[in-house]
Amino acid sequence: MPNRLVNYGVTDNGIAIIELASNSAGAPLEGDEVGPNTYTHEMMRDIDTAVVKARFNDDVSVILITGHGHKFFSAGASIQMLNSVTPGFKYNFCLHANETLSRLEQTPKLVICAINGHAVGGGLEIAMACDIRIARKDSGKCGLPEINLGVLAGTGGTARLSRIIGKSRALEYMVSGELMAFEKAKEMDLINDVWDGSLDEFRQDVLDYAGQFTLPYKATLAVGNIKRSVQSGPEMPFEYHLALERELQAALFNSDDAKEGIAAYVDRRTPRFEGK
């Protein structure tokens, strides 16, 4: 990516990998340096570019986001950066980050977050904008400790955490600034699963897991429509959500993949989807 703060690539089976990589100042990593992968406006622009690139690539079925190294997924926004810019810049920085994470959340492709280390502050905010979150056991903690800086989690943190774990528990964690183990986060449905293994084993396991959602194994149009219904529907009155669901289903019934899936079921064979 242009600012060298995100490593981007696509696997042969259609998984776009977005790896956050920066030092504590939010600058590119050099040599064997392993940083906390803090983000600046420049990193958010790189994330934005990578998300759009993946969205427009017809060969990409799944987006996988992770952090560089074994210590941090991301430590959130660079405090050094925040200490050096104007309040106006901070506002627009948060606004652009909101737009980037909303674009990630609304993309019709499945987004999996591989939490390889601590995911705190803005790092957890990035993770919460993903569809599925999987963490490596004993590699770190997660939480929104912005209260300790006299601010709130302003990149979707208060909005998403309260929707995921409920208002009361979200409020408690945010006003205390407490960090939680990944196992505790799983109990509250903040994290989908926690896996054992070394960092290399974890990365390979997540890639293998993501592979099941790629073509020809899954109907990617159906995945996208399921995601749209789940992301947008709960914000609507229930009857409107049902109407949205019907329209999304009608579009899928006209797809080649639906015809293939139904025919394969009747023929008692494994379907081979093409994303059409």
Protein backbone atom coordinates (compact mmCIF):
# COMPACT_ATOMS: atom_id res chain seq x y z
CA MET A 1 0.00 0.00 0.00
CA PRO A 2 1.16 3.60 -0.70
CA ASN A 3 2.20 4.48 2.86
CA ARG A 4 3.80 1.07 3.58
CA LEU A 5 1.68 0.63 6.71
CA VAL A 6 -0.40 -2.27 5.41
CA ASN A 7 0.84 -5.42 3.72
CA TYR A 8 -1.64 -6.65 1.13
CA GLY A 9 -1.83 -9.78 -0.97
CA VAL A 10 -4.28 -12.31 -2.38
CA THR A 11 -3.95 -16.08 -2.04
CA ASP A 12 -4.51 -18.43 -4.95
CA ASN A 13 -7.91 -19.43 -3.53
CA GLY A 14 -9.22 -15.87 -3.26
CA ILE A 15 -8.41 -14.66 0.27
CA ALA A 16 -7.30 -11.03 0.42
CA ILE A 17 -4.92 -10.58 3.36
CA ILE A 18 -4.63 -7.15 5.01
CA GLU A 19 -1.78 -7.08 7.56
CA LEU A 20 -1.34 -4.02 9.79
CA ALA A 21 2.35 -3.18 10.26
CA SER A 22 3.72 -0.12 12.07
CA ASN A 23 5.81 1.00 15.06
CA SER A 24 4.57 2.93 18.10
CA ALA A 25 4.77 6.21 16.21
CA GLY A 26 2.70 4.75 13.38
CA ALA A 27 5.65 4.66 10.99
CA PRO A 28 6.54 1.73 8.70
CA LEU A 29 8.43 -1.17 10.26
CA GLU A 30 12.04 -1.54 9.25
CA GLY A 31 14.05 -4.77 9.09
CA ASP A 32 13.17 -7.21 11.86
CA GLU A 33 11.26 -4.55 13.81
CA VAL A 34 8.01 -5.74 15.40
CA GLY A 35 5.69 -2.95 16.44
CA PRO A 36 2.36 -2.53 18.14
CA ASN A 37 0.78 -1.77 14.75
CA THR A 38 -0.67 1.54 15.91
CA TYR A 39 -2.57 3.47 13.29
CA THR A 40 -2.39 6.99 12.00
CA HIS A 41 -4.38 8.71 9.28
CA GLU A 42 -1.83 7.31 6.83
CA MET A 43 -2.47 3.73 7.96
CA MET A 44 -6.22 4.25 7.77
CA ARG A 45 -5.76 5.44 4.19
CA ASP A 46 -3.79 2.27 3.46
CA ILE A 47 -6.53 0.13 5.04
CA ASP A 48 -9.13 2.01 3.01
CA THR A 49 -7.17 1.42 -0.20
CA ALA A 50 -6.79 -2.28 0.59
CA VAL A 51 -10.49 -2.73 1.38
CA VAL A 52 -11.55 -1.05 -1.86
CA LYS A 53 -8.98 -3.08 -3.81
CA ALA A 54 -10.38 -6.31 -2.35
CA ARG A 55 -13.98 -5.26 -2.96
CA PHE A 56 -13.38 -4.63 -6.65
CA ASN A 57 -11.38 -7.84 -7.21
CA ASP A 58 -13.79 -10.46 -8.53
CA ASP A 59 -11.29 -13.18 -7.62
CA VAL A 60 -11.50 -12.29 -3.91
CA SER A 61 -14.14 -14.11 -1.85
CA VAL A 62 -12.92 -13.41 1.70
CA ILE A 63 -10.99 -10.60 3.38
CA LEU A 64 -8.66 -11.56 6.24
CA ILE A 65 -7.29 -8.86 8.55
CA THR A 66 -4.44 -9.49 10.98
CA GLY A 67 -1.49 -7.76 12.59
CA HIS A 68 2.25 -8.10 12.01
CA GLY A 69 4.22 -10.07 14.59
CA HIS A 70 3.15 -11.99 17.68
CA LYS A 71 2.58 -9.29 20.31
CA PHE A 72 -0.13 -7.04 18.89
CA PHE A 73 -3.01 -7.17 16.48
CA SER A 74 -3.13 -3.41 16.98
CA ALA A 75 -2.65 -1.06 19.92
CA GLY A 76 -5.03 1.43 18.33
CA ALA A 77 -4.37 5.02 17.34
CA SER A 78 -0.83 6.32 17.77
CA ILE A 79 -0.74 8.43 20.95
CA GLN A 80 2.31 10.25 19.60
CA MET A 81 0.29 11.26 16.56
CA LEU A 82 -2.70 12.36 18.64
CA ASN A 83 -0.41 14.45 20.85
CA SER A 84 0.94 16.38 17.87
CA VAL A 85 -2.15 17.33 15.84
CA THR A 86 -4.95 19.87 16.21
CA PRO A 87 -8.47 19.10 17.52
CA GLY A 88 -9.77 19.71 14.00
CA PHE A 89 -7.38 17.13 12.56
CA LYS A 90 -8.41 14.64 15.27
CA TYR A 91 -12.07 15.10 14.34
CA ASN A 92 -11.44 14.46 10.65
CA PHE A 93 -9.11 11.58 11.54
CA CYS A 94 -11.95 9.89 13.46
CA LEU A 95 -14.43 10.69 10.68
CA HIS A 96 -12.25 9.06 8.02
CA ALA A 97 -11.62 6.05 10.27
CA ASN A 98 -15.41 5.70 10.76
CA GLU A 99 -15.90 5.81 6.99
CA THR A 100 -13.16 3.23 6.41
CA LEU A 101 -14.51 0.77 8.98
CA SER A 102 -18.07 1.25 7.72
CA ARG A 103 -16.84 0.45 4.22
CA LEU A 104 -15.22 -2.69 5.60
CA GLU A 105 -18.37 -3.63 7.51
CA GLN A 106 -20.66 -3.07 4.53
CA THR A 107 -18.55 -4.81 1.89
CA PRO A 108 -20.48 -7.84 0.56
CA LYS A 109 -17.47 -10.09 1.13
CA LEU A 110 -16.96 -11.96 4.38
CA VAL A 111 -14.36 -10.29 6.63
CA ILE A 112 -12.46 -12.43 9.14
CA CYS A 113 -10.23 -10.89 11.81
CA ALA A 114 -7.27 -13.02 12.97
CA ILE A 115 -6.36 -11.49 16.33
CA ASN A 116 -2.73 -12.52 16.72
CA GLY A 117 -2.01 -10.41 19.82
CA HIS A 118 -3.35 -7.56 21.95
CA ALA A 119 -6.34 -5.76 20.39
CA VAL A 120 -6.87 -2.62 22.44
CA GLY A 121 -8.47 0.75 21.78
CA GLY A 122 -8.71 1.38 18.08
CA GLY A 123 -7.31 -2.09 17.44
CA LEU A 124 -10.45 -3.62 18.93
CA GLU A 125 -12.54 -1.08 17.00
CA ILE A 126 -11.05 -2.41 13.76
CA ALA A 127 -11.72 -6.00 14.87
CA MET A 128 -15.34 -5.21 15.75
CA ALA A 129 -15.96 -3.95 12.21
CA CYS A 130 -15.11 -7.45 10.95
CA ASP A 131 -17.70 -10.21 10.63
CA ILE A 132 -15.90 -13.02 12.44
CA ARG A 133 -13.19 -12.62 15.09
CA ILE A 134 -10.77 -15.42 15.98
CA ALA A 135 -8.01 -14.93 18.56
CA ARG A 136 -4.83 -16.84 19.35
CA LYS A 137 -4.87 -18.27 22.86
CA ASP A 138 -2.62 -16.59 25.47
CA SER A 139 -1.40 -13.99 22.97
CA GLY A 140 -2.93 -10.92 24.59
CA LYS A 141 -6.02 -9.11 25.81
CA CYS A 142 -8.67 -6.84 24.36
CA GLY A 143 -10.62 -3.82 25.51
CA LEU A 144 -11.35 -0.13 25.12
CA PRO A 145 -9.22 1.74 27.72
CA GLU A 146 -9.65 5.23 26.21
CA ILE A 147 -11.15 6.46 29.50
CA ASN A 148 -7.58 6.51 30.85
CA LEU A 149 -6.74 9.20 28.28
CA GLY A 150 -9.83 11.22 29.16
CA VAL A 151 -11.60 10.35 25.89
CA LEU A 152 -13.94 7.69 24.50
CA ALA A 153 -13.57 5.02 21.82
CA GLY A 154 -14.49 7.30 18.93
CA THR A 155 -13.94 5.08 15.92
CA GLY A 156 -17.10 3.07 16.36
CA GLY A 157 -16.12 1.63 19.74
CA THR A 158 -19.05 2.79 21.85
CA ALA A 159 -21.52 2.00 19.07
CA ARG A 160 -20.28 -1.46 18.13
CA LEU A 161 -19.36 -2.78 21.58
CA SER A 162 -22.78 -1.89 22.99
CA ARG A 163 -24.46 -3.67 20.08
CA ILE A 164 -22.29 -6.78 20.41
CA ILE A 165 -22.25 -7.38 24.18
CA GLY A 166 -25.13 -5.18 25.39
CA LYS A 167 -25.30 -1.67 26.81
CA SER A 168 -24.71 -2.40 30.48
CA ARG A 169 -21.63 -4.59 30.08
CA ALA A 170 -20.19 -2.35 27.36
CA LEU A 171 -20.61 0.71 29.56
CA GLU A 172 -18.94 -1.04 32.49
CA TYR A 173 -15.90 -2.07 30.45
CA MET A 174 -15.49 1.33 28.80
CA VAL A 175 -15.80 3.46 31.96
CA SER A 176 -13.45 1.15 33.88
CA GLY A 177 -10.97 0.79 31.03
CA GLU A 178 -10.56 -2.86 31.99
CA LEU A 179 -8.94 -5.23 29.53
CA MET A 180 -10.29 -8.76 29.22
CA ALA A 181 -8.75 -12.09 28.29
CA PHE A 182 -9.77 -13.52 24.95
CA GLU A 183 -11.60 -16.34 26.73
CA LYS A 184 -13.75 -13.82 28.60
CA ALA A 185 -14.41 -11.97 25.34
CA LYS A 186 -15.57 -15.24 23.81
CA GLU A 187 -18.02 -15.79 26.68
CA MET A 188 -19.60 -12.42 25.81
CA ASP A 189 -19.68 -13.16 22.05
CA LEU A 190 -17.16 -10.40 21.38
CA ILE A 191 -14.84 -13.02 19.92
CA ASN A 192 -16.12 -16.04 18.02
CA ASP A 193 -13.37 -18.45 18.99
CA VAL A 194 -9.96 -18.78 20.65
CA TRP A 195 -7.47 -21.20 19.11
CA ASP A 196 -4.34 -22.87 20.47
CA GLY A 197 -1.07 -23.01 18.60
CA SER A 198 2.04 -21.11 17.65
CA LEU A 199 1.77 -17.96 15.57
CA ASP A 200 2.59 -19.86 12.36
CA GLU A 201 0.05 -22.55 13.19
CA PHE A 202 -2.56 -19.93 14.02
CA ARG A 203 -2.06 -18.12 10.72
CA GLN A 204 -2.33 -21.35 8.74
CA ASP A 205 -5.39 -22.48 10.69
CA VAL A 206 -7.14 -19.18 10.00
CA LEU A 207 -6.29 -19.40 6.31
CA ASP A 208 -7.66 -22.95 6.20
CA TYR A 209 -10.80 -21.79 8.02
CA ALA A 210 -11.27 -18.87 5.62
CA GLY A 211 -10.81 -21.19 2.66
CA GLN A 212 -14.14 -22.90 3.30
CA PHE A 213 -15.92 -19.64 2.41
CA THR A 214 -14.25 -19.26 -1.00
CA LEU A 215 -15.37 -20.48 -4.41
CA PRO A 216 -16.33 -23.12 -5.38
CA TYR A 217 -17.27 -24.26 -1.85
CA LYS A 218 -19.61 -21.43 -0.88
CA ALA A 219 -22.07 -19.37 -2.91
CA THR A 220 -20.42 -15.99 -2.43
CA LEU A 221 -23.47 -14.03 -3.61
CA ALA A 222 -25.50 -15.69 -0.86
CA VAL A 223 -22.77 -14.91 1.68
CA GLY A 224 -22.92 -11.25 0.65
CA ASN A 225 -26.70 -11.08 0.90
CA ILE A 226 -26.73 -12.85 4.27
CA LYS A 227 -24.19 -10.31 5.50
CA ARG A 228 -26.24 -7.39 4.20
CA SER A 229 -29.38 -8.66 5.95
CA VAL A 230 -27.55 -9.25 9.24
CA GLN A 231 -25.69 -5.91 9.15
CA SER A 232 -28.54 -3.66 8.00
CA GLY A 233 -31.66 -5.46 9.17
CA PRO A 234 -31.38 -5.09 12.96
CA GLU A 235 -31.35 -1.29 12.57
CA MET A 236 -34.80 -1.46 10.89
CA PRO A 237 -38.26 -2.23 12.26
CA PHE A 238 -38.78 -6.00 12.15
CA GLU A 239 -41.31 -5.92 9.31
CA TYR A 240 -38.90 -3.87 7.19
CA HIS A 241 -36.15 -6.37 7.93
CA LEU A 242 -38.40 -9.16 6.68
CA ALA A 243 -39.06 -7.17 3.51
CA LEU A 244 -35.31 -6.67 2.97
CA GLU A 245 -34.77 -10.38 3.50
CA ARG A 246 -37.39 -11.25 0.87
CA GLU A 247 -35.81 -8.95 -1.71
CA LEU A 248 -32.35 -10.36 -1.05
CA GLN A 249 -33.73 -13.89 -1.36
CA ALA A 250 -35.53 -13.06 -4.61
CA ALA A 251 -32.26 -11.82 -6.10
CA LEU A 252 -30.52 -15.04 -5.07
CA PHE A 253 -33.22 -17.26 -6.56
CA ASN A 254 -32.36 -15.71 -9.93
CA SER A 255 -28.65 -16.50 -9.57
CA ASP A 256 -26.79 -19.33 -11.28
CA ASP A 257 -25.42 -20.43 -7.92
CA ALA A 258 -28.91 -20.99 -6.50
CA LYS A 259 -29.79 -23.10 -9.52
CA GLU A 260 -26.56 -25.05 -9.04
CA GLY A 261 -27.12 -25.51 -5.31
CA ILE A 262 -30.68 -26.76 -5.72
CA ALA A 263 -29.79 -29.03 -8.65
CA ALA A 264 -26.83 -30.47 -6.73
CA TYR A 265 -29.06 -31.24 -3.76
CA VAL A 266 -31.57 -33.05 -5.99
CA ASP A 267 -28.75 -34.93 -7.77
CA ARG A 268 -27.09 -35.77 -4.43
CA ARG A 269 -23.76 -34.28 -5.43
CA THR A 270 -21.51 -31.54 -4.06
CA PRO A 271 -22.32 -28.14 -5.58
CA ARG A 272 -19.63 -26.18 -7.42
CA PHE A 273 -20.41 -22.48 -7.09
CA GLU A 274 -19.08 -19.78 -9.43
CA GLY A 275 -20.19 -16.60 -7.70
CA LYS A 276 -22.76 -15.82 -10.39
